[in-house]
PDB file of all heavy atoms in Angstrom:
ATOM      1  N   GLU A   1      99.145  81.209 110.623  1.00  0.00           N
ATOM      2  CA  GLU A   1      98.124  81.634 109.661  1.00  0.00           C
ATOM      3  C   GLU A   1      97.781  83.111 109.855  1.00  0.00           C
ATOM      4  O   GLU A   1      97.597  83.849 108.884  1.00  0.00           O
ATOM      5  CB  GLU A   1      96.873  80.769 109.816  1.00  0.00           C
ATOM      6  CG  GLU A   1      95.820  81.042 108.749  1.00  0.00           C
ATOM      7  CD  GLU A   1      94.590  80.166 108.897  1.00  0.00           C
ATOM      8  OE1 GLU A   1      94.517  79.399 109.874  1.00  0.00           O
ATOM      9  OE2 GLU A   1      93.700  80.277 108.020  1.00  0.00           O
ATOM     10  N   LEU A   2      97.693  83.545 111.117  1.00  0.00           N
ATOM     11  CA  LEU A   2      97.417  84.955 111.392  1.00  0.00           C
ATOM     12  C   LEU A   2      98.596  85.820 110.955  1.00  0.00           C
ATOM     13  O   LEU A   2      98.400  86.882 110.354  1.00  0.00           O
ATOM     14  CB  LEU A   2      97.135  85.177 112.883  1.00  0.00           C
ATOM     15  CG  LEU A   2      96.845  86.625 113.298  1.00  0.00           C
ATOM     16  CD1 LEU A   2      95.596  87.157 112.615  1.00  0.00           C
ATOM     17  CD2 LEU A   2      96.706  86.750 114.812  1.00  0.00           C
ATOM     18  N   TYR A   3      99.834  85.378 111.239  1.00  0.00           N
ATOM     19  CA  TYR A   3     101.012  86.147 110.815  1.00  0.00           C
ATOM     20  C   TYR A   3     100.981  86.359 109.303  1.00  0.00           C
ATOM     21  O   TYR A   3     101.269  87.455 108.803  1.00  0.00           O
ATOM     22  CB  TYR A   3     102.316  85.441 111.188  1.00  0.00           C
ATOM     23  CG  TYR A   3     102.429  84.967 112.611  1.00  0.00           C
ATOM     24  CD1 TYR A   3     103.245  83.871 112.935  1.00  0.00           C
ATOM     25  CD2 TYR A   3     101.746  85.590 113.641  1.00  0.00           C
ATOM     26  CE1 TYR A   3     103.368  83.429 114.240  1.00  0.00           C
ATOM     27  CE2 TYR A   3     101.865  85.145 114.956  1.00  0.00           C
ATOM     28  CZ  TYR A   3     102.668  84.053 115.246  1.00  0.00           C
ATOM     29  OH  TYR A   3     102.780  83.609 116.533  1.00  0.00           O
ATOM     30  N   ASP A   4     100.625  85.292 108.571  1.00  0.00           N
ATOM     31  CA  ASP A   4     100.603  85.362 107.105  1.00  0.00           C
ATOM     32  C   ASP A   4      99.517  86.321 106.613  1.00  0.00           C
ATOM     33  O   ASP A   4      99.709  87.058 105.641  1.00  0.00           O
ATOM     34  CB  ASP A   4     100.362  83.973 106.504  1.00  0.00           C
ATOM     35  CG  ASP A   4     101.538  83.025 106.723  1.00  0.00           C
ATOM     36  OD1 ASP A   4     102.628  83.518 107.085  1.00  0.00           O
ATOM     37  OD2 ASP A   4     101.368  81.796 106.525  1.00  0.00           O
ATOM     38  N   LYS A   5      98.370  86.323 107.295  1.00  0.00           N
ATOM     39  CA  LYS A   5      97.282  87.206 106.882  1.00  0.00           C
ATOM     40  C   LYS A   5      97.626  88.678 107.102  1.00  0.00           C
ATOM     41  O   LYS A   5      97.234  89.544 106.319  1.00  0.00           O
ATOM     42  CB  LYS A   5      96.007  86.856 107.656  1.00  0.00           C
ATOM     43  CG  LYS A   5      95.341  85.570 107.185  1.00  0.00           C
ATOM     44  CD  LYS A   5      94.050  85.312 107.954  1.00  0.00           C
ATOM     45  CE  LYS A   5      93.340  84.063 107.421  1.00  0.00           C
ATOM     46  NZ  LYS A   5      92.081  83.788 108.141  1.00  0.00           N
ATOM     47  N   VAL A   6      98.360  88.946 108.159  1.00  0.00           N
ATOM     48  CA  VAL A   6      98.692  90.345 108.485  1.00  0.00           C
ATOM     49  C   VAL A   6      99.874  90.848 107.662  1.00  0.00           C
ATOM     50  O   VAL A   6      99.847  91.978 107.137  1.00  0.00           O
ATOM     51  CB  VAL A   6      98.982  90.497 109.993  1.00  0.00           C
ATOM     52  CG1 VAL A   6      99.429  91.931 110.310  1.00  0.00           C
ATOM     53  CG2 VAL A   6      97.740  90.152 110.812  1.00  0.00           C
ATOM     54  N   PHE A   7     100.932  90.032 107.511  1.00  0.00           N
ATOM     55  CA  PHE A   7     102.163  90.520 106.879  1.00  0.00           C
ATOM     56  C   PHE A   7     102.542  89.811 105.578  1.00  0.00           C
ATOM     57  O   PHE A   7     103.519  90.193 104.947  1.00  0.00           O
ATOM     58  CB  PHE A   7     103.337  90.377 107.864  1.00  0.00           C
ATOM     59  CG  PHE A   7     103.281  91.347 109.012  1.00  0.00           C
ATOM     60  CD1 PHE A   7     103.014  90.915 110.302  1.00  0.00           C
ATOM     61  CD2 PHE A   7     103.467  92.699 108.795  1.00  0.00           C
ATOM     62  CE1 PHE A   7     102.952  91.807 111.358  1.00  0.00           C
ATOM     63  CE2 PHE A   7     103.416  93.609 109.850  1.00  0.00           C
ATOM     64  CZ  PHE A   7     103.158  93.157 111.127  1.00  0.00           C
ATOM     65  N   GLY A   8     101.779  88.817 105.174  1.00  0.00           N
ATOM     66  CA  GLY A   8     102.152  88.075 103.968  1.00  0.00           C
ATOM     67  C   GLY A   8     102.795  86.743 104.330  1.00  0.00           C
ATOM     68  O   GLY A   8     103.361  86.575 105.407  1.00  0.00           O
ATOM     69  N   LYS A   9     102.732  85.808 103.395  1.00  0.00           N
ATOM     70  CA  LYS A   9     103.169  84.447 103.663  1.00  0.00           C
ATOM     71  C   LYS A   9     104.641  84.375 104.027  1.00  0.00           C
ATOM     72  O   LYS A   9     105.503  84.887 103.321  1.00  0.00           O
ATOM     73  CB  LYS A   9     102.889  83.554 102.455  1.00  0.00           C
ATOM     74  CG  LYS A   9     103.245  82.097 102.656  1.00  0.00           C
ATOM     75  CD  LYS A   9     102.313  81.196 101.938  1.00  0.00           C
ATOM     76  CE  LYS A   9     102.665  79.731 102.194  1.00  0.00           C
ATOM     77  NZ  LYS A   9     102.249  79.318 103.538  1.00  0.00           N
ATOM     78  N   ASP A  10     104.880  83.728 105.172  1.00  0.00           N
ATOM     79  CA  ASP A  10     106.227  83.402 105.671  1.00  0.00           C
ATOM     80  C   ASP A  10     107.112  84.624 105.933  1.00  0.00           C
ATOM     81  O   ASP A  10     108.336  84.495 106.026  1.00  0.00           O
ATOM     82  CB  ASP A  10     106.948  82.445 104.699  1.00  0.00           C
ATOM     83  CG  ASP A  10     106.242  81.105 104.572  1.00  0.00           C
ATOM     84  OD1 ASP A  10     105.605  80.693 105.556  1.00  0.00           O
ATOM     85  OD2 ASP A  10     106.317  80.489 103.488  1.00  0.00           O
ATOM     86  N   GLU A  11     106.481  85.834 106.036  1.00  0.00           N
ATOM     87  CA  GLU A  11     107.274  87.020 106.373  1.00  0.00           C
ATOM     88  C   GLU A  11     107.631  87.025 107.861  1.00  0.00           C
ATOM     89  O   GLU A  11     108.646  87.581 108.262  1.00  0.00           O
ATOM     90  CB  GLU A  11     106.486  88.296 106.033  1.00  0.00           C
ATOM     91  CG  GLU A  11     106.308  88.549 104.547  1.00  0.00           C
ATOM     92  CD  GLU A  11     107.626  88.885 103.867  1.00  0.00           C
ATOM     93  OE1 GLU A  11     108.478  89.564 104.497  1.00  0.00           O
ATOM     94  OE2 GLU A  11     107.826  88.463 102.723  1.00  0.00           O
ATOM     95  N   ILE A  12     106.786  86.408 108.686  1.00  0.00           N
ATOM     96  CA  ILE A  12     106.991  86.346 110.136  1.00  0.00           C
ATOM     97  C   ILE A  12     107.040  84.881 110.559  1.00  0.00           C
ATOM     98  O   ILE A  12     106.238  84.058 110.100  1.00  0.00           O
ATOM     99  CB  ILE A  12     105.838  87.062 110.878  1.00  0.00           C
ATOM    100  CG1 ILE A  12     105.725  88.522 110.420  1.00  0.00           C
ATOM    101  CG2 ILE A  12     106.040  86.997 112.389  1.00  0.00           C
ATOM    102  CD1 ILE A  12     106.905  89.386 110.731  1.00  0.00           C
ATOM    103  N   LYS A  13     107.967  84.556 111.469  1.00  0.00           N
ATOM    104  CA  LYS A  13     108.185  83.152 111.832  1.00  0.00           C
ATOM    105  C   LYS A  13     107.582  82.758 113.185  1.00  0.00           C
ATOM    106  O   LYS A  13     107.231  81.605 113.400  1.00  0.00           O
ATOM    107  CB  LYS A  13     109.693  82.845 111.856  1.00  0.00           C
ATOM    108  CG  LYS A  13     110.415  83.131 110.534  1.00  0.00           C
ATOM    109  CD  LYS A  13     109.836  82.318 109.384  1.00  0.00           C
ATOM    110  CE  LYS A  13     110.612  82.571 108.088  1.00  0.00           C
ATOM    111  NZ  LYS A  13     109.984  81.883 106.940  1.00  0.00           N
ATOM    112  N   ASP A  14     107.496  83.714 114.132  1.00  0.00           N
ATOM    113  CA  ASP A  14     106.976  83.370 115.456  1.00  0.00           C
ATOM    114  C   ASP A  14     106.314  84.593 116.089  1.00  0.00           C
ATOM    115  O   ASP A  14     106.354  85.693 115.538  1.00  0.00           O
ATOM    116  CB  ASP A  14     108.088  82.829 116.360  1.00  0.00           C
ATOM    117  CG  ASP A  14     109.280  83.774 116.452  1.00  0.00           C
ATOM    118  OD1 ASP A  14     109.070  85.010 116.479  1.00  0.00           O
ATOM    119  OD2 ASP A  14     110.436  83.296 116.483  1.00  0.00           O
ATOM    120  N   GLU A  15     105.724  84.399 117.277  1.00  0.00           N
ATOM    121  CA  GLU A  15     104.971  85.464 117.911  1.00  0.00           C
ATOM    122  C   GLU A  15     105.871  86.618 118.341  1.00  0.00           C
ATOM    123  O   GLU A  15     105.468  87.794 118.276  1.00  0.00           O
ATOM    124  CB  GLU A  15     104.190  84.941 119.122  1.00  0.00           C
ATOM    125  CG  GLU A  15     103.292  86.009 119.735  1.00  0.00           C
ATOM    126  CD  GLU A  15     102.348  85.494 120.801  1.00  0.00           C
ATOM    127  OE1 GLU A  15     102.283  84.266 121.012  1.00  0.00           O
ATOM    128  OE2 GLU A  15     101.668  86.332 121.430  1.00  0.00           O
ATOM    129  N   GLU A  16     107.079  86.329 118.774  1.00  0.00           N
ATOM    130  CA  GLU A  16     107.999  87.400 119.177  1.00  0.00           C
ATOM    131  C   GLU A  16     108.296  88.322 118.000  1.00  0.00           C
ATOM    132  O   GLU A  16     108.274  89.556 118.127  1.00  0.00           O
ATOM    133  CB  GLU A  16     109.295  86.795 119.720  1.00  0.00           C
ATOM    134  CG  GLU A  16     110.268  87.863 120.209  1.00  0.00           C
ATOM    135  CD  GLU A  16     111.579  87.266 120.733  1.00  0.00           C
ATOM    136  OE1 GLU A  16     111.687  86.026 120.798  1.00  0.00           O
ATOM    137  OE2 GLU A  16     112.471  88.063 121.081  1.00  0.00           O
ATOM    138  N   GLU A  17     108.565  87.729 116.841  1.00  0.00           N
ATOM    139  CA  GLU A  17     108.839  88.524 115.635  1.00  0.00           C
ATOM    140  C   GLU A  17     107.575  89.277 115.208  1.00  0.00           C
ATOM    141  O   GLU A  17     107.648  90.420 114.735  1.00  0.00           O
ATOM    142  CB  GLU A  17     109.311  87.601 114.514  1.00  0.00           C
ATOM    143  CG  GLU A  17     109.859  88.350 113.304  1.00  0.00           C
ATOM    144  CD  GLU A  17     110.401  87.411 112.243  1.00  0.00           C
ATOM    145  OE1 GLU A  17     110.539  86.196 112.517  1.00  0.00           O
ATOM    146  OE2 GLU A  17     110.669  87.890 111.127  1.00  0.00           O
ATOM    147  N   PHE A  18     106.421  88.636 115.365  1.00  0.00           N
ATOM    148  CA  PHE A  18     105.129  89.244 115.039  1.00  0.00           C
ATOM    149  C   PHE A  18     104.908  90.510 115.868  1.00  0.00           C
ATOM    150  O   PHE A  18     104.581  91.581 115.346  1.00  0.00           O
ATOM    151  CB  PHE A  18     104.021  88.219 115.308  1.00  0.00           C
ATOM    152  CG  PHE A  18     102.633  88.684 114.993  1.00  0.00           C
ATOM    153  CD1 PHE A  18     102.276  89.101 113.713  1.00  0.00           C
ATOM    154  CD2 PHE A  18     101.649  88.684 115.981  1.00  0.00           C
ATOM    155  CE1 PHE A  18     100.972  89.510 113.425  1.00  0.00           C
ATOM    156  CE2 PHE A  18     100.354  89.092 115.707  1.00  0.00           C
ATOM    157  CZ  PHE A  18     100.013  89.514 114.420  1.00  0.00           C
ATOM    158  N   ARG A  19     105.141  90.406 117.182  1.00  0.00           N
ATOM    159  CA  ARG A  19     104.953  91.547 118.069  1.00  0.00           C
ATOM    160  C   ARG A  19     105.982  92.642 117.790  1.00  0.00           C
ATOM    161  O   ARG A  19     105.664  93.834 117.865  1.00  0.00           O
ATOM    162  CB  ARG A  19     105.040  91.097 119.533  1.00  0.00           C
ATOM    163  CG  ARG A  19     103.786  90.366 120.019  1.00  0.00           C
ATOM    164  CD  ARG A  19     103.934  89.837 121.427  1.00  0.00           C
ATOM    165  NE  ARG A  19     102.651  89.373 121.947  1.00  0.00           N
ATOM    166  CZ  ARG A  19     101.840  90.088 122.709  1.00  0.00           C
ATOM    167  NH1 ARG A  19     102.182  91.315 123.066  1.00  0.00           N
ATOM    168  NH2 ARG A  19     100.689  89.600 123.141  1.00  0.00           N
ATOM    169  N   THR A  20     107.199  92.262 117.472  1.00  0.00           N
ATOM    170  CA  THR A  20     108.237  93.257 117.159  1.00  0.00           C
ATOM    171  C   THR A  20     107.854  94.058 115.929  1.00  0.00           C
ATOM    172  O   THR A  20     107.982  95.298 115.906  1.00  0.00           O
ATOM    173  CB  THR A  20     109.591  92.563 116.928  1.00  0.00           C
ATOM    174  OG1 THR A  20     109.963  91.866 118.118  1.00  0.00           O
ATOM    175  CG2 THR A  20     110.665  93.588 116.568  1.00  0.00           C
ATOM    176  N   LYS A  21     107.354  93.357 114.900  1.00  0.00           N
ATOM    177  CA  LYS A  21     106.965  94.037 113.664  1.00  0.00           C
ATOM    178  C   LYS A  21     105.762  94.943 113.903  1.00  0.00           C
ATOM    179  O   LYS A  21     105.703  96.075 113.394  1.00  0.00           O
ATOM    180  CB  LYS A  21     106.614  92.989 112.604  1.00  0.00           C
ATOM    181  CG  LYS A  21     106.435  93.547 111.196  1.00  0.00           C
ATOM    182  CD  LYS A  21     107.764  93.935 110.580  1.00  0.00           C
ATOM    183  CE  LYS A  21     107.590  94.301 109.115  1.00  0.00           C
ATOM    184  NZ  LYS A  21     108.866  94.747 108.518  1.00  0.00           N
ATOM    185  N   LEU A  22     104.811  94.463 114.698  1.00  0.00           N
ATOM    186  CA  LEU A  22     103.642  95.282 115.021  1.00  0.00           C
ATOM    187  C   LEU A  22     104.038  96.540 115.789  1.00  0.00           C
ATOM    188  O   LEU A  22     103.505  97.629 115.557  1.00  0.00           O
ATOM    189  CB  LEU A  22     102.635  94.475 115.852  1.00  0.00           C
ATOM    190  CG  LEU A  22     101.868  93.368 115.128  1.00  0.00           C
ATOM    191  CD1 LEU A  22     100.999  92.609 116.113  1.00  0.00           C
ATOM    192  CD2 LEU A  22     101.015  93.937 114.002  1.00  0.00           C
ATOM    193  N   GLU A  23     104.987  96.388 116.719  1.00  0.00           N
ATOM    194  CA  GLU A  23     105.444  97.534 117.500  1.00  0.00           C
ATOM    195  C   GLU A  23     106.105  98.575 116.600  1.00  0.00           C
ATOM    196  O   GLU A  23     105.924  99.783 116.787  1.00  0.00           O
ATOM    197  CB  GLU A  23     106.413  97.086 118.592  1.00  0.00           C
ATOM    198  CG  GLU A  23     106.825  98.214 119.520  1.00  0.00           C
ATOM    199  CD  GLU A  23     107.619  97.739 120.717  1.00  0.00           C
ATOM    200  OE1 GLU A  23     107.665  96.516 120.971  1.00  0.00           O
ATOM    201  OE2 GLU A  23     108.197  98.602 121.408  1.00  0.00           O
ATOM    202  N   GLU A  24     106.864  98.110 115.611  1.00  0.00           N
ATOM    203  CA  GLU A  24     107.488  99.032 114.649  1.00  0.00           C
ATOM    204  C   GLU A  24     106.426  99.798 113.872  1.00  0.00           C
ATOM    205  O   GLU A  24     106.558 101.011 113.636  1.00  0.00           O
ATOM    206  CB  GLU A  24     108.393  98.255 113.686  1.00  0.00           C
ATOM    207  CG  GLU A  24     109.648  97.687 114.321  1.00  0.00           C
ATOM    208  CD  GLU A  24     110.428  96.787 113.356  1.00  0.00           C
ATOM    209  OE1 GLU A  24     109.948  96.620 112.204  1.00  0.00           O
ATOM    210  OE2 GLU A  24     111.477  96.264 113.759  1.00  0.00           O
ATOM    211  N   GLN A  25     105.368  99.085 113.459  1.00  0.00           N
ATOM    212  CA  GLN A  25     104.275  99.744 112.726  1.00  0.00           C
ATOM    213  C   GLN A  25     103.590 100.796 113.593  1.00  0.00           C
ATOM    214  O   GLN A  25     103.326 101.916 113.138  1.00  0.00           O
ATOM    215  CB  GLN A  25     103.245  98.706 112.277  1.00  0.00           C
ATOM    216  CG  GLN A  25     103.630  97.911 111.052  1.00  0.00           C
ATOM    217  CD  GLN A  25     102.464  97.055 110.559  1.00  0.00           C
ATOM    218  OE1 GLN A  25     101.540  96.745 111.303  1.00  0.00           O
ATOM    219  NE2 GLN A  25     102.523  96.671 109.304  1.00  0.00           N
ATOM    220  N   LEU A  26     103.299 100.408 114.843  1.00  0.00           N
ATOM    221  CA  LEU A  26     102.642 101.348 115.756  1.00  0.00           C
ATOM    222  C   LEU A  26     103.516 102.568 116.013  1.00  0.00           C
ATOM    223  O   LEU A  26     103.035 103.702 116.033  1.00  0.00           O
ATOM    224  CB  LEU A  26     102.311 100.653 117.081  1.00  0.00           C
ATOM    225  CG  LEU A  26     101.142  99.672 117.082  1.00  0.00           C
ATOM    226  CD1 LEU A  26     101.030  98.993 118.446  1.00  0.00           C
ATOM    227  CD2 LEU A  26      99.832 100.378 116.743  1.00  0.00           C
ATOM    228  N   ALA A  27     104.813 102.324 116.210  1.00  0.00           N
ATOM    229  CA  ALA A  27     105.741 103.432 116.477  1.00  0.00           C
ATOM    230  C   ALA A  27     105.764 104.402 115.307  1.00  0.00           C
ATOM    231  O   ALA A  27     105.762 105.635 115.495  1.00  0.00           O
ATOM    232  CB  ALA A  27     107.136 102.888 116.754  1.00  0.00           C
ATOM    233  N   SER A  28     105.765 103.858 114.067  1.00  0.00           N
ATOM    234  CA  SER A  28     105.770 104.709 112.882  1.00  0.00           C
ATOM    235  C   SER A  28     104.473 105.506 112.778  1.00  0.00           C
ATOM    236  O   SER A  28     104.486 106.712 112.488  1.00  0.00           O
ATOM    237  CB  SER A  28     105.955 103.842 111.627  1.00  0.00           C
ATOM    238  OG  SER A  28     105.883 104.624 110.468  1.00  0.00           O
ATOM    239  N   MET A  29     103.340 104.845 113.040  1.00  0.00           N
ATOM    240  CA  MET A  29     102.039 105.522 112.979  1.00  0.00           C
ATOM    241  C   MET A  29     101.940 106.610 114.053  1.00  0.00           C
ATOM    242  O   MET A  29     101.528 107.741 113.775  1.00  0.00           O
ATOM    243  CB  MET A  29     100.920 104.504 113.167  1.00  0.00           C
ATOM    244  CG  MET A  29      99.522 105.095 113.127  1.00  0.00           C
ATOM    245  SD  MET A  29      98.248 103.873 113.490  1.00  0.00           S
ATOM    246  CE  MET A  29      98.521 103.605 115.263  1.00  0.00           C
ATOM    247  N   PHE A  30     102.355 106.282 115.270  1.00  0.00           N
ATOM    248  CA  PHE A  30     102.277 107.252 116.359  1.00  0.00           C
ATOM    249  C   PHE A  30     103.245 108.410 116.150  1.00  0.00           C
ATOM    250  O   PHE A  30     102.980 109.535 116.587  1.00  0.00           O
ATOM    251  CB  PHE A  30     102.545 106.579 117.698  1.00  0.00           C
ATOM    252  CG  PHE A  30     101.442 105.662 118.159  1.00  0.00           C
ATOM    253  CD1 PHE A  30     101.724 104.476 118.812  1.00  0.00           C
ATOM    254  CD2 PHE A  30     100.116 105.995 117.934  1.00  0.00           C
ATOM    255  CE1 PHE A  30     100.706 103.629 119.236  1.00  0.00           C
ATOM    256  CE2 PHE A  30      99.077 105.159 118.348  1.00  0.00           C
ATOM    257  CZ  PHE A  30      99.385 103.977 118.994  1.00  0.00           C
ATOM    258  N   GLU A  31     104.371 108.138 115.488  1.00  0.00           N
ATOM    259  CA  GLU A  31     105.325 109.212 115.191  1.00  0.00           C
ATOM    260  C   GLU A  31     104.670 110.243 114.272  1.00  0.00           C
ATOM    261  O   GLU A  31     104.784 111.457 114.488  1.00  0.00           O
ATOM    262  CB  GLU A  31     106.579 108.633 114.541  1.00  0.00           C
ATOM    263  CG  GLU A  31     107.603 109.664 114.080  1.00  0.00           C
ATOM    264  CD  GLU A  31     108.286 110.400 115.218  1.00  0.00           C
ATOM    265  OE1 GLU A  31     108.072 110.032 116.399  1.00  0.00           O
ATOM    266  OE2 GLU A  31     109.034 111.353 114.932  1.00  0.00           O
ATOM    267  N   ARG A  32     103.978 109.762 113.231  1.00  0.00           N
ATOM    268  CA  ARG A  32     103.271 110.691 112.328  1.00  0.00           C
ATOM    269  C   ARG A  32     102.204 111.463 113.084  1.00  0.00           C
ATOM    270  O   ARG A  32     102.072 112.675 112.929  1.00  0.00           O
ATOM    271  CB  ARG A  32     102.623 109.915 111.168  1.00  0.00           C
ATOM    272  CG  ARG A  32     103.596 109.328 110.167  1.00  0.00           C
ATOM    273  CD  ARG A  32     102.869 108.894 108.899  1.00  0.00           C
ATOM    274  NE  ARG A  32     101.799 107.936 109.170  1.00  0.00           N
ATOM    275  CZ  ARG A  32     101.968 106.627 109.226  1.00  0.00           C
ATOM    276  NH1 ARG A  32     103.172 106.108 109.029  1.00  0.00           N
ATOM    277  NH2 ARG A  32     100.949 105.818 109.449  1.00  0.00           N
ATOM    278  N   ASP A  33     101.434 110.737 113.926  1.00  0.00           N
ATOM    279  CA  ASP A  33     100.379 111.407 114.691  1.00  0.00           C
ATOM    280  C   ASP A  33     100.960 112.441 115.655  1.00  0.00           C
ATOM    281  O   ASP A  33     100.393 113.527 115.842  1.00  0.00           O
ATOM    282  CB  ASP A  33      99.567 110.379 115.483  1.00  0.00           C
ATOM    283  CG  ASP A  33      98.738 109.475 114.578  1.00  0.00           C
ATOM    284  OD1 ASP A  33      98.533 109.848 113.406  1.00  0.00           O
ATOM    285  OD2 ASP A  33      98.297 108.408 115.045  1.00  0.00           O
ATOM    286  N   SER A  34     102.099 112.093 116.258  1.00  0.00           N
ATOM    287  CA  SER A  34     102.744 113.000 117.214  1.00  0.00           C
ATOM    288  C   SER A  34     103.211 114.276 116.516  1.00  0.00           C
ATOM    289  O   SER A  34     103.031 115.388 117.030  1.00  0.00           O
ATOM    290  CB  SER A  34     103.924 112.301 117.882  1.00  0.00           C
ATOM    291  OG  SER A  34     104.661 113.196 118.680  1.00  0.00           O
ATOM    292  N   ILE A  35     103.805 114.111 115.346  1.00  0.00           N
ATOM    293  CA  ILE A  35     104.280 115.280 114.583  1.00  0.00           C
ATOM    294  C   ILE A  35     103.104 116.152 114.174  1.00  0.00           C
ATOM    295  O   ILE A  35     103.150 117.384 114.290  1.00  0.00           O
ATOM    296  CB  ILE A  35     105.093 114.828 113.357  1.00  0.00           C
ATOM    297  CG1 ILE A  35     106.433 114.233 113.808  1.00  0.00           C
ATOM    298  CG2 ILE A  35     105.335 115.999 112.404  1.00  0.00           C
ATOM    299  CD1 ILE A  35     107.243 113.622 112.689  1.00  0.00           C
ATOM    300  N   ASN A  36     102.033 115.523 113.670  1.00  0.00           N
ATOM    301  CA  ASN A  36     100.857 116.296 113.239  1.00  0.00           C
ATOM    302  C   ASN A  36     100.233 117.056 114.410  1.00  0.00           C
ATOM    303  O   ASN A  36      99.838 118.216 114.266  1.00  0.00           O
ATOM    304  CB  ASN A  36      99.827 115.369 112.607  1.00  0.00           C
ATOM    305  CG  ASN A  36     100.271 114.842 111.252  1.00  0.00           C
ATOM    306  OD1 ASN A  36     101.074 115.478 110.580  1.00  0.00           O
ATOM    307  ND2 ASN A  36      99.764 113.690 110.862  1.00  0.00           N
ATOM    308  N   LEU A  37     100.145 116.384 115.564  1.00  0.00           N
ATOM    309  CA  LEU A  37      99.601 117.068 116.750  1.00  0.00           C
ATOM    310  C   LEU A  37     100.504 118.227 117.149  1.00  0.00           C
ATOM    311  O   LEU A  37     100.018 119.327 117.445  1.00  0.00           O
ATOM    312  CB  LEU A  37      99.466 116.079 117.914  1.00  0.00           C
ATOM    313  CG  LEU A  37      99.107 116.693 119.283  1.00  0.00           C
ATOM    314  CD1 LEU A  37      97.777 117.437 119.212  1.00  0.00           C
ATOM    315  CD2 LEU A  37      99.070 115.620 120.362  1.00  0.00           C
ATOM    316  N   TYR A  38     101.815 117.992 117.142  1.00  0.00           N
ATOM    317  CA  TYR A  38     102.726 119.055 117.572  1.00  0.00           C
ATOM    318  C   TYR A  38     102.669 120.257 116.625  1.00  0.00           C
ATOM    319  O   TYR A  38     102.761 121.403 117.064  1.00  0.00           O
ATOM    320  CB  TYR A  38     104.158 118.545 117.685  1.00  0.00           C
ATOM    321  CG  TYR A  38     105.046 119.577 118.330  1.00  0.00           C
ATOM    322  CD1 TYR A  38     104.970 119.809 119.700  1.00  0.00           C
ATOM    323  CD2 TYR A  38     105.892 120.368 117.566  1.00  0.00           C
ATOM    324  CE1 TYR A  38     105.736 120.790 120.302  1.00  0.00           C
ATOM    325  CE2 TYR A  38     106.665 121.350 118.167  1.00  0.00           C
ATOM    326  CZ  TYR A  38     106.579 121.557 119.528  1.00  0.00           C
ATOM    327  OH  TYR A  38     107.332 122.537 120.119  1.00  0.00           O
ATOM    328  N   LYS A  39     102.508 119.993 115.343  1.00  0.00           N
ATOM    329  CA  LYS A  39     102.405 121.100 114.392  1.00  0.00           C
ATOM    330  C   LYS A  39     101.202 121.983 114.723  1.00  0.00           C
ATOM    331  O   LYS A  39     101.286 123.213 114.647  1.00  0.00           O
ATOM    332  CB  LYS A  39     102.300 120.560 112.964  1.00  0.00           C
ATOM    333  CG  LYS A  39     103.616 120.058 112.388  1.00  0.00           C
ATOM    334  CD  LYS A  39     103.441 119.522 110.983  1.00  0.00           C
ATOM    335  CE  LYS A  39     104.779 119.093 110.377  1.00  0.00           C
ATOM    336  NZ  LYS A  39     104.619 118.549 108.998  1.00  0.00           N
ATOM    337  N   ARG A  40     100.081 121.354 115.090  1.00  0.00           N
ATOM    338  CA  ARG A  40      98.901 122.147 115.473  1.00  0.00           C
ATOM    339  C   ARG A  40      99.172 122.932 116.749  1.00  0.00           C
ATOM    340  O   ARG A  40      98.825 124.112 116.856  1.00  0.00           O
ATOM    341  CB  ARG A  40      97.686 121.236 115.649  1.00  0.00           C
ATOM    342  CG  ARG A  40      97.190 120.576 114.380  1.00  0.00           C
ATOM    343  CD  ARG A  40      95.771 120.059 114.519  1.00  0.00           C
ATOM    344  NE  ARG A  40      95.627 119.005 115.495  1.00  0.00           N
ATOM    345  CZ  ARG A  40      95.797 117.709 115.249  1.00  0.00           C
ATOM    346  NH1 ARG A  40      96.148 117.313 114.032  1.00  0.00           N
ATOM    347  NH2 ARG A  40      95.614 116.814 116.192  1.00  0.00           N
ATOM    348  N   GLN A  41      99.786 122.255 117.735  1.00  0.00           N
ATOM    349  CA  GLN A  41     100.083 122.936 118.998  1.00  0.00           C
ATOM    350  C   GLN A  41     101.059 124.089 118.785  1.00  0.00           C
ATOM    351  O   GLN A  41     100.902 125.168 119.367  1.00  0.00           O
ATOM    352  CB  GLN A  41     100.677 121.939 119.994  1.00  0.00           C
ATOM    353  CG  GLN A  41      99.687 120.915 120.522  1.00  0.00           C
ATOM    354  CD  GLN A  41     100.353 119.927 121.464  1.00  0.00           C
ATOM    355  OE1 GLN A  41     101.230 119.157 121.065  1.00  0.00           O
ATOM    356  NE2 GLN A  41      99.963 119.959 122.726  1.00  0.00           N
ATOM    357  N   MET A  42     102.068 123.851 117.947  1.00  0.00           N
ATOM    358  CA  MET A  42     103.073 124.881 117.714  1.00  0.00           C
ATOM    359  C   MET A  42     102.467 126.090 117.001  1.00  0.00           C
ATOM    360  O   MET A  42     102.741 127.239 117.366  1.00  0.00           O
ATOM    361  CB  MET A  42     104.231 124.305 116.886  1.00  0.00           C
ATOM    362  CG  MET A  42     105.341 125.307 116.605  1.00  0.00           C
ATOM    363  SD  MET A  42     106.759 124.559 115.751  1.00  0.00           S
ATOM    364  CE  MET A  42     105.986 124.052 114.227  1.00  0.00           C
ATOM    365  N   SER A  43     101.628 125.851 115.982  1.00  0.00           N
ATOM    366  CA  SER A  43     101.025 126.979 115.265  1.00  0.00           C
ATOM    367  C   SER A  43     100.118 127.781 116.193  1.00  0.00           C
ATOM    368  O   SER A  43     100.099 129.017 116.145  1.00  0.00           O
ATOM    369  CB  SER A  43     100.244 126.471 114.045  1.00  0.00           C
ATOM    370  OG  SER A  43      99.182 125.633 114.420  1.00  0.00           O
ATOM    371  N   GLU A  44      99.365 127.078 117.066  1.00  0.00           N
ATOM    372  CA  GLU A  44      98.507 127.782 118.023  1.00  0.00           C
ATOM    373  C   GLU A  44      99.348 128.605 119.000  1.00  0.00           C
ATOM    374  O   GLU A  44      98.994 129.748 119.328  1.00  0.00           O
ATOM    375  CB  GLU A  44      97.654 126.769 118.791  1.00  0.00           C
ATOM    376  CG  GLU A  44      96.575 126.096 117.940  1.00  0.00           C
ATOM    377  CD  GLU A  44      95.926 124.920 118.645  1.00  0.00           C
ATOM    378  OE1 GLU A  44      96.263 124.680 119.827  1.00  0.00           O
ATOM    379  OE2 GLU A  44      95.096 124.235 118.025  1.00  0.00           O
ATOM    380  N   HIS A  45     100.449 128.016 119.459  1.00  0.00           N
ATOM    381  CA  HIS A  45     101.328 128.719 120.391  1.00  0.00           C
ATOM    382  C   HIS A  45     101.910 129.977 119.741  1.00  0.00           C
ATOM    383  O   HIS A  45     101.961 131.046 120.377  1.00  0.00           O
ATOM    384  CB  HIS A  45     102.462 127.788 120.830  1.00  0.00           C
ATOM    385  CG  HIS A  45     103.495 128.455 121.683  1.00  0.00           C
ATOM    386  ND1 HIS A  45     103.403 128.517 123.065  1.00  0.00           N
ATOM    387  CD2 HIS A  45     104.650 129.110 121.360  1.00  0.00           C
ATOM    388  CE1 HIS A  45     104.446 129.172 123.539  1.00  0.00           C
ATOM    389  NE2 HIS A  45     105.218 129.540 122.529  1.00  0.00           N
TER     390      HIS A  45
END
């Protein structure tokens, strides 16, 4: 029920797949944050 609420009905089958998908989302979000931070650091440098 939680998997369905987060990703849509029957998109995720078990907790391992749930965690894998969440990790992909976090990695994508952190990648954007990392690039944005580096752009500020680079311009200051």
